N, C-alpha and C. Protein backbone atom coordinates (compact mmCIF):
# COMPACT_ATOMS: atom_id res chain seq x y z
N UNK A 1 -147.62 75.78 -65.09
CA UNK A 1 -148.18 74.64 -64.37
C UNK A 1 -147.04 73.77 -63.85
N UNK A 2 -147.20 73.38 -62.61
CA UNK A 2 -146.20 72.51 -62.00
C UNK A 2 -146.63 71.05 -62.17
N UNK A 3 -145.63 70.24 -62.31
CA UNK A 3 -145.91 68.81 -62.33
C UNK A 3 -146.09 68.35 -60.90
N UNK A 4 -147.27 67.88 -60.61
CA UNK A 4 -147.54 67.41 -59.26
C UNK A 4 -147.28 65.92 -59.19
N UNK A 5 -146.47 65.55 -58.24
CA UNK A 5 -146.16 64.15 -58.02
C UNK A 5 -146.92 63.71 -56.77
N UNK A 6 -147.73 62.71 -56.92
CA UNK A 6 -148.51 62.26 -55.77
C UNK A 6 -147.61 61.51 -54.80
N UNK A 7 -147.85 61.75 -53.55
CA UNK A 7 -147.09 61.09 -52.50
C UNK A 7 -147.62 59.67 -52.32
N UNK A 8 -146.73 58.73 -52.08
CA UNK A 8 -147.21 57.36 -51.85
C UNK A 8 -148.00 57.28 -50.54
N UNK A 9 -149.05 56.51 -50.57
CA UNK A 9 -149.88 56.33 -49.38
C UNK A 9 -149.25 55.30 -48.46
N UNK A 10 -149.83 55.16 -47.30
CA UNK A 10 -149.35 54.17 -46.33
C UNK A 10 -149.48 52.76 -46.91
N UNK A 11 -150.58 52.51 -47.63
CA UNK A 11 -150.78 51.19 -48.23
C UNK A 11 -149.74 50.92 -49.32
N UNK A 12 -149.38 51.96 -50.09
CA UNK A 12 -148.33 51.80 -51.10
C UNK A 12 -147.01 51.42 -50.45
N UNK A 13 -146.71 52.04 -49.32
CA UNK A 13 -145.48 51.70 -48.59
C UNK A 13 -145.51 50.26 -48.10
N UNK A 14 -146.67 49.82 -47.65
CA UNK A 14 -146.80 48.44 -47.17
C UNK A 14 -146.58 47.45 -48.32
N UNK A 15 -147.10 47.77 -49.49
CA UNK A 15 -146.88 46.88 -50.63
C UNK A 15 -145.42 46.89 -51.07
N UNK A 16 -144.77 48.04 -50.99
CA UNK A 16 -143.35 48.10 -51.32
C UNK A 16 -142.55 47.26 -50.34
N UNK A 17 -142.85 47.40 -49.05
CA UNK A 17 -142.16 46.59 -48.05
C UNK A 17 -142.45 45.11 -48.24
N UNK A 18 -143.70 44.78 -48.57
CA UNK A 18 -144.07 43.38 -48.79
C UNK A 18 -143.33 42.82 -50.01
N UNK A 19 -143.25 43.59 -51.07
CA UNK A 19 -142.58 43.11 -52.28
C UNK A 19 -141.10 42.86 -52.06
N UNK A 20 -140.41 43.86 -51.55
CA UNK A 20 -138.97 43.69 -51.32
C UNK A 20 -138.68 42.70 -50.19
N UNK A 21 -139.54 42.69 -49.17
CA UNK A 21 -139.39 41.71 -48.10
C UNK A 21 -139.60 40.29 -48.60
N UNK A 22 -140.61 40.12 -49.45
CA UNK A 22 -140.89 38.81 -50.04
C UNK A 22 -139.67 38.31 -50.83
N UNK A 23 -139.12 39.18 -51.65
CA UNK A 23 -137.96 38.80 -52.45
C UNK A 23 -136.75 38.50 -51.57
N UNK A 24 -136.43 39.40 -50.65
CA UNK A 24 -135.26 39.23 -49.80
C UNK A 24 -135.35 38.02 -48.89
N UNK A 25 -136.51 37.83 -48.28
CA UNK A 25 -136.67 36.71 -47.35
C UNK A 25 -136.68 35.37 -48.08
N UNK A 26 -137.20 35.34 -49.30
CA UNK A 26 -137.15 34.09 -50.06
C UNK A 26 -135.74 33.76 -50.53
N UNK A 27 -134.97 34.77 -50.87
CA UNK A 27 -133.57 34.53 -51.23
C UNK A 27 -132.80 34.06 -50.00
N UNK A 28 -133.07 34.66 -48.84
CA UNK A 28 -132.44 34.21 -47.59
C UNK A 28 -132.87 32.78 -47.27
N UNK A 29 -134.15 32.47 -47.47
CA UNK A 29 -134.67 31.13 -47.25
C UNK A 29 -133.92 30.12 -48.14
N UNK A 30 -133.76 30.47 -49.40
CA UNK A 30 -133.05 29.61 -50.34
C UNK A 30 -131.60 29.41 -49.92
N UNK A 31 -130.94 30.48 -49.51
CA UNK A 31 -129.54 30.38 -49.09
C UNK A 31 -129.40 29.49 -47.86
N UNK A 32 -130.27 29.67 -46.87
CA UNK A 32 -130.21 28.85 -45.66
C UNK A 32 -130.49 27.39 -46.00
N UNK A 33 -131.49 27.14 -46.83
CA UNK A 33 -131.81 25.76 -47.22
C UNK A 33 -130.64 25.11 -47.96
N UNK A 34 -129.98 25.88 -48.82
CA UNK A 34 -128.85 25.33 -49.59
C UNK A 34 -127.67 24.99 -48.68
N UNK A 35 -127.51 25.72 -47.60
CA UNK A 35 -126.43 25.42 -46.65
C UNK A 35 -126.65 24.07 -45.99
N UNK A 36 -127.91 23.74 -45.68
CA UNK A 36 -128.21 22.52 -44.95
C UNK A 36 -128.46 21.31 -45.85
N UNK A 37 -128.63 21.52 -47.15
CA UNK A 37 -128.85 20.39 -48.06
C UNK A 37 -127.53 19.66 -48.24
N UNK A 38 -127.56 18.32 -48.17
CA UNK A 38 -126.32 17.58 -48.39
C UNK A 38 -125.78 17.83 -49.80
N UNK A 39 -124.49 17.67 -50.00
CA UNK A 39 -123.91 17.89 -51.34
C UNK A 39 -124.59 17.01 -52.39
N UNK A 40 -124.79 17.60 -53.56
CA UNK A 40 -125.41 16.86 -54.66
C UNK A 40 -124.84 17.37 -55.97
N UNK A 41 -125.08 16.61 -57.01
CA UNK A 41 -124.60 16.98 -58.34
C UNK A 41 -125.50 18.08 -58.89
N UNK A 42 -124.93 19.24 -59.13
CA UNK A 42 -125.69 20.37 -59.62
C UNK A 42 -125.83 20.25 -61.14
N UNK A 43 -126.73 19.36 -61.55
CA UNK A 43 -126.95 19.12 -62.98
C UNK A 43 -127.85 20.16 -63.60
N UNK A 44 -128.17 19.92 -64.86
CA UNK A 44 -128.98 20.87 -65.62
C UNK A 44 -130.38 21.03 -65.02
N UNK A 45 -130.99 19.96 -64.54
CA UNK A 45 -132.34 20.06 -63.98
C UNK A 45 -132.34 20.90 -62.70
N UNK A 46 -131.30 20.78 -61.89
CA UNK A 46 -131.21 21.58 -60.67
C UNK A 46 -131.02 23.05 -61.01
N UNK A 47 -130.22 23.34 -62.00
CA UNK A 47 -129.99 24.72 -62.41
C UNK A 47 -131.26 25.32 -62.99
N UNK A 48 -131.97 24.55 -63.84
CA UNK A 48 -133.22 25.04 -64.41
C UNK A 48 -134.28 25.27 -63.33
N UNK A 49 -134.32 24.41 -62.33
CA UNK A 49 -135.27 24.59 -61.23
C UNK A 49 -134.95 25.86 -60.45
N UNK A 50 -133.68 26.10 -60.22
CA UNK A 50 -133.26 27.31 -59.50
C UNK A 50 -133.61 28.57 -60.31
N UNK A 51 -133.38 28.53 -61.61
CA UNK A 51 -133.71 29.67 -62.47
C UNK A 51 -135.22 29.89 -62.49
N UNK A 52 -136.00 28.82 -62.57
CA UNK A 52 -137.46 28.95 -62.57
C UNK A 52 -137.95 29.54 -61.24
N UNK A 53 -137.35 29.10 -60.14
CA UNK A 53 -137.71 29.64 -58.82
C UNK A 53 -137.43 31.14 -58.75
N UNK A 54 -136.25 31.55 -59.22
CA UNK A 54 -135.89 32.95 -59.18
C UNK A 54 -136.76 33.79 -60.10
N UNK A 55 -137.13 33.26 -61.26
CA UNK A 55 -138.04 33.97 -62.16
C UNK A 55 -139.42 34.13 -61.54
N UNK A 56 -139.90 33.08 -60.89
CA UNK A 56 -141.19 33.16 -60.22
C UNK A 56 -141.14 34.20 -59.09
N UNK A 57 -140.05 34.23 -58.35
CA UNK A 57 -139.89 35.24 -57.31
C UNK A 57 -139.93 36.64 -57.91
N UNK A 58 -139.26 36.81 -59.03
CA UNK A 58 -139.24 38.11 -59.69
C UNK A 58 -140.62 38.54 -60.15
N UNK A 59 -141.38 37.63 -60.74
CA UNK A 59 -142.72 37.95 -61.23
C UNK A 59 -143.64 38.28 -60.06
N UNK A 60 -143.60 37.47 -59.01
CA UNK A 60 -144.46 37.73 -57.85
C UNK A 60 -144.09 39.04 -57.16
N UNK A 61 -142.79 39.31 -57.07
CA UNK A 61 -142.35 40.57 -56.47
C UNK A 61 -142.84 41.75 -57.30
N UNK A 62 -142.75 41.65 -58.62
CA UNK A 62 -143.22 42.71 -59.51
C UNK A 62 -144.69 43.03 -59.26
N UNK A 63 -145.51 42.00 -59.18
CA UNK A 63 -146.94 42.23 -58.97
C UNK A 63 -147.25 42.71 -57.57
N UNK A 64 -146.46 42.30 -56.58
CA UNK A 64 -146.64 42.84 -55.23
C UNK A 64 -146.30 44.33 -55.21
N UNK A 65 -145.25 44.71 -55.90
CA UNK A 65 -144.87 46.12 -55.96
C UNK A 65 -145.92 46.96 -56.70
N UNK A 66 -146.68 46.32 -57.59
CA UNK A 66 -147.77 47.01 -58.30
C UNK A 66 -149.02 47.14 -57.43
N UNK A 67 -149.02 46.52 -56.24
CA UNK A 67 -150.14 46.67 -55.31
C UNK A 67 -151.27 45.69 -55.52
N UNK A 68 -150.97 44.48 -55.95
CA UNK A 68 -152.01 43.46 -56.16
C UNK A 68 -152.43 42.87 -54.81
N UNK A 69 -153.56 43.34 -54.32
CA UNK A 69 -154.02 42.96 -52.98
C UNK A 69 -154.37 41.48 -52.89
N UNK A 70 -155.06 40.95 -53.89
CA UNK A 70 -155.46 39.53 -53.86
C UNK A 70 -154.24 38.62 -53.85
N UNK A 71 -153.21 38.98 -54.60
CA UNK A 71 -151.97 38.19 -54.60
C UNK A 71 -151.34 38.20 -53.21
N UNK A 72 -151.31 39.36 -52.57
CA UNK A 72 -150.74 39.45 -51.22
C UNK A 72 -151.55 38.58 -50.25
N UNK A 73 -152.86 38.56 -50.39
CA UNK A 73 -153.69 37.76 -49.51
C UNK A 73 -153.47 36.26 -49.72
N UNK A 74 -153.40 35.85 -50.98
CA UNK A 74 -153.19 34.43 -51.29
C UNK A 74 -151.82 33.98 -50.78
N UNK A 75 -150.79 34.80 -51.05
CA UNK A 75 -149.45 34.45 -50.58
C UNK A 75 -149.37 34.45 -49.05
N UNK A 76 -150.09 35.36 -48.40
CA UNK A 76 -150.09 35.39 -46.94
C UNK A 76 -150.71 34.11 -46.38
N UNK A 77 -151.78 33.64 -46.98
CA UNK A 77 -152.41 32.39 -46.53
C UNK A 77 -151.44 31.22 -46.73
N UNK A 78 -150.78 31.18 -47.88
CA UNK A 78 -149.82 30.10 -48.14
C UNK A 78 -148.67 30.14 -47.13
N UNK A 79 -148.11 31.32 -46.90
CA UNK A 79 -146.99 31.43 -45.96
C UNK A 79 -147.44 31.22 -44.52
N UNK A 80 -148.68 31.56 -44.18
CA UNK A 80 -149.21 31.26 -42.86
C UNK A 80 -149.32 29.76 -42.65
N UNK A 81 -149.83 29.06 -43.66
CA UNK A 81 -149.94 27.59 -43.56
C UNK A 81 -148.56 26.94 -43.48
N UNK A 82 -147.61 27.44 -44.27
CA UNK A 82 -146.25 26.90 -44.21
C UNK A 82 -145.63 27.15 -42.84
N UNK A 83 -145.92 28.30 -42.24
CA UNK A 83 -145.38 28.62 -40.92
C UNK A 83 -145.94 27.67 -39.86
N UNK A 84 -147.25 27.44 -39.93
CA UNK A 84 -147.88 26.53 -38.97
C UNK A 84 -147.32 25.12 -39.13
N UNK A 85 -147.21 24.65 -40.36
CA UNK A 85 -146.67 23.30 -40.60
C UNK A 85 -145.23 23.20 -40.12
N UNK A 86 -144.42 24.23 -40.38
CA UNK A 86 -143.02 24.21 -39.94
C UNK A 86 -142.92 24.22 -38.42
N UNK A 87 -143.75 25.02 -37.77
CA UNK A 87 -143.74 25.06 -36.30
C UNK A 87 -144.16 23.71 -35.74
N UNK A 88 -145.15 23.08 -36.37
CA UNK A 88 -145.59 21.76 -35.93
C UNK A 88 -144.50 20.71 -36.16
N UNK A 89 -143.78 20.82 -37.26
CA UNK A 89 -142.75 19.83 -37.57
C UNK A 89 -141.54 19.93 -36.65
N UNK A 90 -141.40 21.03 -35.93
CA UNK A 90 -140.30 21.15 -34.97
C UNK A 90 -140.39 20.11 -33.85
N UNK A 91 -141.59 19.59 -33.62
CA UNK A 91 -141.78 18.58 -32.57
C UNK A 91 -141.29 17.20 -32.98
N UNK A 92 -141.05 17.01 -34.26
CA UNK A 92 -140.59 15.72 -34.77
C UNK A 92 -139.06 15.74 -34.85
N UNK A 93 -138.42 14.68 -34.38
CA UNK A 93 -136.96 14.65 -34.38
C UNK A 93 -136.38 14.43 -35.78
N UNK A 94 -137.17 13.93 -36.71
CA UNK A 94 -136.66 13.65 -38.04
C UNK A 94 -136.88 14.80 -39.02
N UNK A 95 -137.22 15.98 -38.51
CA UNK A 95 -137.47 17.12 -39.39
C UNK A 95 -136.18 17.64 -40.00
N UNK A 96 -136.31 18.40 -41.06
CA UNK A 96 -135.16 19.00 -41.74
C UNK A 96 -134.41 19.90 -40.75
N UNK A 97 -133.09 19.79 -40.71
CA UNK A 97 -132.28 20.49 -39.72
C UNK A 97 -132.39 22.01 -39.81
N UNK A 98 -132.75 22.54 -40.95
CA UNK A 98 -132.78 23.99 -41.15
C UNK A 98 -134.09 24.63 -40.70
N UNK A 99 -135.08 23.84 -40.33
CA UNK A 99 -136.40 24.40 -40.00
C UNK A 99 -136.32 25.48 -38.92
N UNK A 100 -135.57 25.32 -37.85
CA UNK A 100 -135.50 26.41 -36.86
C UNK A 100 -134.95 27.72 -37.43
N UNK A 101 -134.12 27.63 -38.45
CA UNK A 101 -133.56 28.83 -39.07
C UNK A 101 -134.47 29.39 -40.16
N UNK A 102 -135.27 28.52 -40.77
CA UNK A 102 -136.15 28.94 -41.86
C UNK A 102 -137.48 29.50 -41.35
N UNK A 103 -137.92 29.05 -40.18
CA UNK A 103 -139.21 29.48 -39.65
C UNK A 103 -139.31 30.99 -39.47
N UNK A 104 -138.29 31.69 -38.97
CA UNK A 104 -138.42 33.15 -38.89
C UNK A 104 -138.61 33.82 -40.25
N UNK A 105 -137.99 33.29 -41.29
CA UNK A 105 -138.20 33.85 -42.65
C UNK A 105 -139.66 33.70 -43.05
N UNK A 106 -140.25 32.54 -42.77
CA UNK A 106 -141.65 32.30 -43.12
C UNK A 106 -142.58 33.22 -42.34
N UNK A 107 -142.34 33.35 -41.04
CA UNK A 107 -143.21 34.18 -40.21
C UNK A 107 -143.13 35.66 -40.61
N UNK A 108 -141.93 36.14 -40.86
CA UNK A 108 -141.77 37.53 -41.26
C UNK A 108 -142.40 37.80 -42.63
N UNK A 109 -142.24 36.86 -43.55
CA UNK A 109 -142.87 37.00 -44.87
C UNK A 109 -144.39 37.00 -44.73
N UNK A 110 -144.92 36.13 -43.89
CA UNK A 110 -146.36 36.09 -43.64
C UNK A 110 -146.84 37.44 -43.11
N UNK A 111 -146.11 38.01 -42.16
CA UNK A 111 -146.52 39.28 -41.59
C UNK A 111 -146.49 40.41 -42.62
N UNK A 112 -145.41 40.48 -43.40
CA UNK A 112 -145.31 41.54 -44.41
C UNK A 112 -146.42 41.43 -45.46
N UNK A 113 -146.71 40.20 -45.88
CA UNK A 113 -147.78 40.01 -46.86
C UNK A 113 -149.15 40.31 -46.26
N UNK A 114 -149.35 39.94 -45.00
CA UNK A 114 -150.61 40.23 -44.32
C UNK A 114 -150.84 41.72 -44.13
N UNK A 115 -149.76 42.45 -43.85
CA UNK A 115 -149.88 43.91 -43.72
C UNK A 115 -150.39 44.54 -45.00
N UNK A 116 -149.86 44.06 -46.12
CA UNK A 116 -150.29 44.61 -47.41
C UNK A 116 -151.67 44.08 -47.79
N UNK A 117 -151.91 42.81 -47.59
CA UNK A 117 -153.16 42.20 -48.03
C UNK A 117 -154.38 42.62 -47.25
N UNK A 118 -154.23 42.77 -45.93
CA UNK A 118 -155.38 43.10 -45.09
C UNK A 118 -155.18 44.41 -44.33
N UNK A 119 -154.15 45.17 -44.69
CA UNK A 119 -153.89 46.48 -44.08
C UNK A 119 -153.71 46.37 -42.57
N UNK A 120 -152.88 45.40 -42.15
CA UNK A 120 -152.56 45.27 -40.74
C UNK A 120 -151.63 46.40 -40.32
N UNK A 121 -151.55 46.66 -39.01
CA UNK A 121 -150.60 47.69 -38.54
C UNK A 121 -149.16 47.25 -38.64
C-alpha cells in the first residue's frame, strides 16, 4: 500500500497565501509605522505591547493557515473598514504622514483575506 498524500486544493492555497500575506504585510505595516513615529523612550510597556502584537499576529496567522474561514471573513471586514477610513483620512492635512505608505498594506491584506474568506478570484 502506498501512502497517498492529498494535494492541496485551491482554497487551501488561498488560506496559505492569506496567512503568510497577513503576517508579512502586518510586519511591513509595523516597520513603516515605526519609521514615521517620532523618537520615544522604548520602555518596558512599549516592548510588552510590541511582543503582544507579534504574538497576536502569530496566533492569527496560525489559525488562518489552518483554514478558519470565519476568522478570514472577520479580519477582511476589519481591514476593509481600516482601508476605507485610511483612504478617507488622506483628505485631511493633519493625518499621520505614513498613511499613503500604509494604505497599500491594508488594501492588499484585505484582498488576501477576502480571497480566503469568500473564495474570491
